[in-house]
Amino acid sequence: MAIDIDKAKERLNAKRTELMELSQISSEARSTVELDQQSVGRLSRMDAMQQQAMAEAMERTRQKDLVRINQAELRLSDGDYGYCIECDSEIPDGRLAIDPMAERCVKCA
């Protein structure tokens, strides 16, 4: 099976755009929780801090995925995209459609 380079680039670009949009949308959720005892009760502040921590964790995951996209693009330019980095077998197109940054086949993942 030959990898459709244009389709792979399209998938990677779409994923990058999605991640960057989500990052922009969640920027407010990651901002510092203000200490204002008058308007926010203790439990509400704790909830806000927990939501902030979850938003920060999601942002870290998005940043890791952006690195994975860059690595996938390097594999594309090297001709290694679509091949498992462990066993060198082909990664099925269905797997790449779900995760265009996949670097391992199902068996090695």
C-alpha atoms as a PDB file:
ATOM      1  CA  MET A   1       0.000   0.000   0.000  1.00  0.00           C
ATOM      2  CA  ALA A   2       1.385   3.384  -0.981  1.00  0.00           C
ATOM      3  CA  ILE A   3       0.854   6.292   1.386  1.00  0.00           C
ATOM      4  CA  ASP A   4      -1.116   9.178  -0.084  1.00  0.00           C
ATOM      5  CA  ILE A   5       1.267  12.000   0.874  1.00  0.00           C
ATOM      6  CA  ASP A   6      -1.239  14.766   0.125  1.00  0.00           C
ATOM      7  CA  LYS A   7      -3.917  13.104   2.242  1.00  0.00           C
ATOM      8  CA  ALA A   8      -1.428  12.579   5.084  1.00  0.00           C
ATOM      9  CA  LYS A   9      -0.393  16.249   4.973  1.00  0.00           C
ATOM     10  CA  GLU A  10      -4.053  17.268   4.921  1.00  0.00           C
ATOM     11  CA  ARG A  11      -4.815  15.116   7.984  1.00  0.00           C
ATOM     12  CA  LEU A  12      -1.814  16.467   9.885  1.00  0.00           C
ATOM     13  CA  ASN A  13      -2.676  20.082   9.032  1.00  0.00           C
ATOM     14  CA  ALA A  14      -6.304  19.543  10.064  1.00  0.00           C
ATOM     15  CA  LYS A  15      -5.186  18.050  13.379  1.00  0.00           C
ATOM     16  CA  ARG A  16      -2.761  20.958  13.975  1.00  0.00           C
ATOM     17  CA  THR A  17      -5.510  23.489  13.266  1.00  0.00           C
ATOM     18  CA  GLU A  18      -7.906  21.681  15.605  1.00  0.00           C
ATOM     19  CA  LEU A  19      -5.341  21.588  18.424  1.00  0.00           C
ATOM     20  CA  MET A  20      -4.458  25.260  18.036  1.00  0.00           C
ATOM     21  CA  GLU A  21      -8.125  26.275  18.035  1.00  0.00           C
ATOM     22  CA  LEU A  22      -8.788  24.226  21.177  1.00  0.00           C
ATOM     23  CA  SER A  23      -5.754  25.782  22.820  1.00  0.00           C
ATOM     24  CA  GLN A  24      -7.044  29.263  22.041  1.00  0.00           C
ATOM     25  CA  ILE A  25     -10.535  28.438  23.316  1.00  0.00           C
ATOM     26  CA  SER A  26      -9.227  27.004  26.591  1.00  0.00           C
ATOM     27  CA  SER A  27      -6.805  29.842  27.352  1.00  0.00           C
ATOM     28  CA  GLU A  28      -9.300  31.492  29.719  1.00  0.00           C
ATOM     29  CA  ALA A  29      -9.859  28.227  31.607  1.00  0.00           C
ATOM     30  CA  ARG A  30      -6.101  27.970  32.184  1.00  0.00           C
ATOM     31  CA  SER A  31      -5.760  31.499  33.553  1.00  0.00           C
ATOM     32  CA  THR A  32      -5.001  32.123  37.210  1.00  0.00           C
ATOM     33  CA  VAL A  33      -7.897  31.642  39.596  1.00  0.00           C
ATOM     34  CA  GLU A  34      -8.470  34.899  41.461  1.00  0.00           C
ATOM     35  CA  LEU A  35      -8.860  34.885  45.232  1.00  0.00           C
ATOM     36  CA  ASP A  36     -12.008  36.860  45.877  1.00  0.00           C
ATOM     37  CA  GLN A  37     -13.744  35.627  49.017  1.00  0.00           C
ATOM     38  CA  GLN A  38     -16.617  38.074  48.481  1.00  0.00           C
ATOM     39  CA  SER A  39     -17.791  36.728  45.130  1.00  0.00           C
ATOM     40  CA  VAL A  40     -16.522  33.150  45.151  1.00  0.00           C
ATOM     41  CA  GLY A  41     -17.029  30.786  48.035  1.00  0.00           C
ATOM     42  CA  ARG A  42     -14.401  28.315  49.168  1.00  0.00           C
ATOM     43  CA  LEU A  43     -15.950  25.350  47.324  1.00  0.00           C
ATOM     44  CA  SER A  44     -16.459  27.374  44.159  1.00  0.00           C
ATOM     45  CA  ARG A  45     -12.802  28.419  44.271  1.00  0.00           C
ATOM     46  CA  MET A  46     -11.743  24.799  44.737  1.00  0.00           C
ATOM     47  CA  ASP A  47     -13.888  23.821  41.738  1.00  0.00           C
ATOM     48  CA  ALA A  48     -12.343  26.619  39.689  1.00  0.00           C
ATOM     49  CA  MET A  49      -8.841  25.483  40.665  1.00  0.00           C
ATOM     50  CA  GLN A  50      -9.675  21.886  39.733  1.00  0.00           C
ATOM     51  CA  GLN A  51     -11.052  23.004  36.357  1.00  0.00           C
ATOM     52  CA  GLN A  52      -7.918  25.091  35.822  1.00  0.00           C
ATOM     53  CA  ALA A  53      -5.711  22.069  36.570  1.00  0.00           C
ATOM     54  CA  MET A  54      -7.687  19.919  34.122  1.00  0.00           C
ATOM     55  CA  ALA A  55      -7.436  22.617  31.438  1.00  0.00           C
ATOM     56  CA  GLU A  56      -3.666  22.836  31.987  1.00  0.00           C
ATOM     57  CA  ALA A  57      -3.328  19.049  31.706  1.00  0.00           C
ATOM     58  CA  MET A  58      -5.305  19.066  28.462  1.00  0.00           C
ATOM     59  CA  GLU A  59      -3.079  21.849  27.133  1.00  0.00           C
ATOM     60  CA  ARG A  60       0.044  19.796  27.918  1.00  0.00           C
ATOM     61  CA  THR A  61      -1.472  16.911  25.944  1.00  0.00           C
ATOM     62  CA  ARG A  62      -2.218  19.249  23.027  1.00  0.00           C
ATOM     63  CA  GLN A  63       1.368  20.527  23.068  1.00  0.00           C
ATOM     64  CA  LYS A  64       2.684  16.940  23.011  1.00  0.00           C
ATOM     65  CA  ASP A  65       0.413  16.214  20.055  1.00  0.00           C
ATOM     66  CA  LEU A  66       1.800  19.249  18.209  1.00  0.00           C
ATOM     67  CA  VAL A  67       5.296  17.793  18.704  1.00  0.00           C
ATOM     68  CA  ARG A  68       4.001  14.435  17.385  1.00  0.00           C
ATOM     69  CA  ILE A  69       2.640  16.250  14.307  1.00  0.00           C
ATOM     70  CA  ASN A  70       6.077  17.781  13.668  1.00  0.00           C
ATOM     71  CA  GLN A  71       7.676  14.345  14.031  1.00  0.00           C
ATOM     72  CA  ALA A  72       5.127  12.840  11.614  1.00  0.00           C
ATOM     73  CA  GLU A  73       5.924  15.568   9.088  1.00  0.00           C
ATOM     74  CA  LEU A  74       9.620  14.712   9.383  1.00  0.00           C
ATOM     75  CA  ARG A  75       8.797  11.051   8.751  1.00  0.00           C
ATOM     76  CA  LEU A  76       6.761  12.161   5.728  1.00  0.00           C
ATOM     77  CA  SER A  77       9.705  14.080   4.278  1.00  0.00           C
ATOM     78  CA  ASP A  78      12.058  11.158   5.010  1.00  0.00           C
ATOM     79  CA  GLY A  79       9.710   8.622   3.397  1.00  0.00           C
ATOM     80  CA  ASP A  80       9.201   6.780   6.698  1.00  0.00           C
ATOM     81  CA  TYR A  81       5.631   7.937   7.356  1.00  0.00           C
ATOM     82  CA  GLY A  82       3.141   5.079   7.632  1.00  0.00           C
ATOM     83  CA  TYR A  83       5.713   2.555   8.799  1.00  0.00           C
ATOM     84  CA  CYS A  84       6.049   1.351  12.385  1.00  0.00           C
ATOM     85  CA  ILE A  85       9.143   2.688  14.140  1.00  0.00           C
ATOM     86  CA  GLU A  86       9.425  -0.592  16.072  1.00  0.00           C
ATOM     87  CA  CYS A  87       8.945  -3.364  13.499  1.00  0.00           C
ATOM     88  CA  ASP A  88       8.939  -1.389  10.217  1.00  0.00           C
ATOM     89  CA  SER A  89       5.623  -2.899   9.098  1.00  0.00           C
ATOM     90  CA  GLU A  90       3.034  -0.716   7.378  1.00  0.00           C
ATOM     91  CA  ILE A  91       0.557   1.124   9.581  1.00  0.00           C
ATOM     92  CA  PRO A  92      -2.947   0.636   8.136  1.00  0.00           C
ATOM     93  CA  ASP A  93      -4.558   3.715   6.598  1.00  0.00           C
ATOM     94  CA  GLY A  94      -7.525   3.311   8.945  1.00  0.00           C
ATOM     95  CA  ARG A  95      -5.224   3.774  11.929  1.00  0.00           C
ATOM     96  CA  LEU A  96      -3.589   6.806  10.323  1.00  0.00           C
ATOM     97  CA  ALA A  97      -7.036   8.271   9.593  1.00  0.00           C
ATOM     98  CA  ILE A  98      -7.865   8.081  13.303  1.00  0.00           C
ATOM     99  CA  ASP A  99      -4.422   9.171  14.497  1.00  0.00           C
ATOM    100  CA  PRO A 100      -2.388  10.741  11.676  1.00  0.00           C
ATOM    101  CA  MET A 101       0.577  11.036  14.055  1.00  0.00           C
ATOM    102  CA  ALA A 102       0.686   7.265  14.760  1.00  0.00           C
ATOM    103  CA  GLU A 103       4.224   5.979  14.727  1.00  0.00           C
ATOM    104  CA  ARG A 104       3.572   2.389  15.749  1.00  0.00           C
ATOM    105  CA  CYS A 105       1.388  -0.361  14.321  1.00  0.00           C
ATOM    106  CA  VAL A 106      -1.375  -1.807  16.509  1.00  0.00           C
ATOM    107  CA  LYS A 107       0.797  -4.795  17.435  1.00  0.00           C
ATOM    108  CA  CYS A 108       3.688  -2.615  18.678  1.00  0.00           C
ATOM    109  CA  ALA A 109       1.508   0.052  20.277  1.00  0.00           C
END
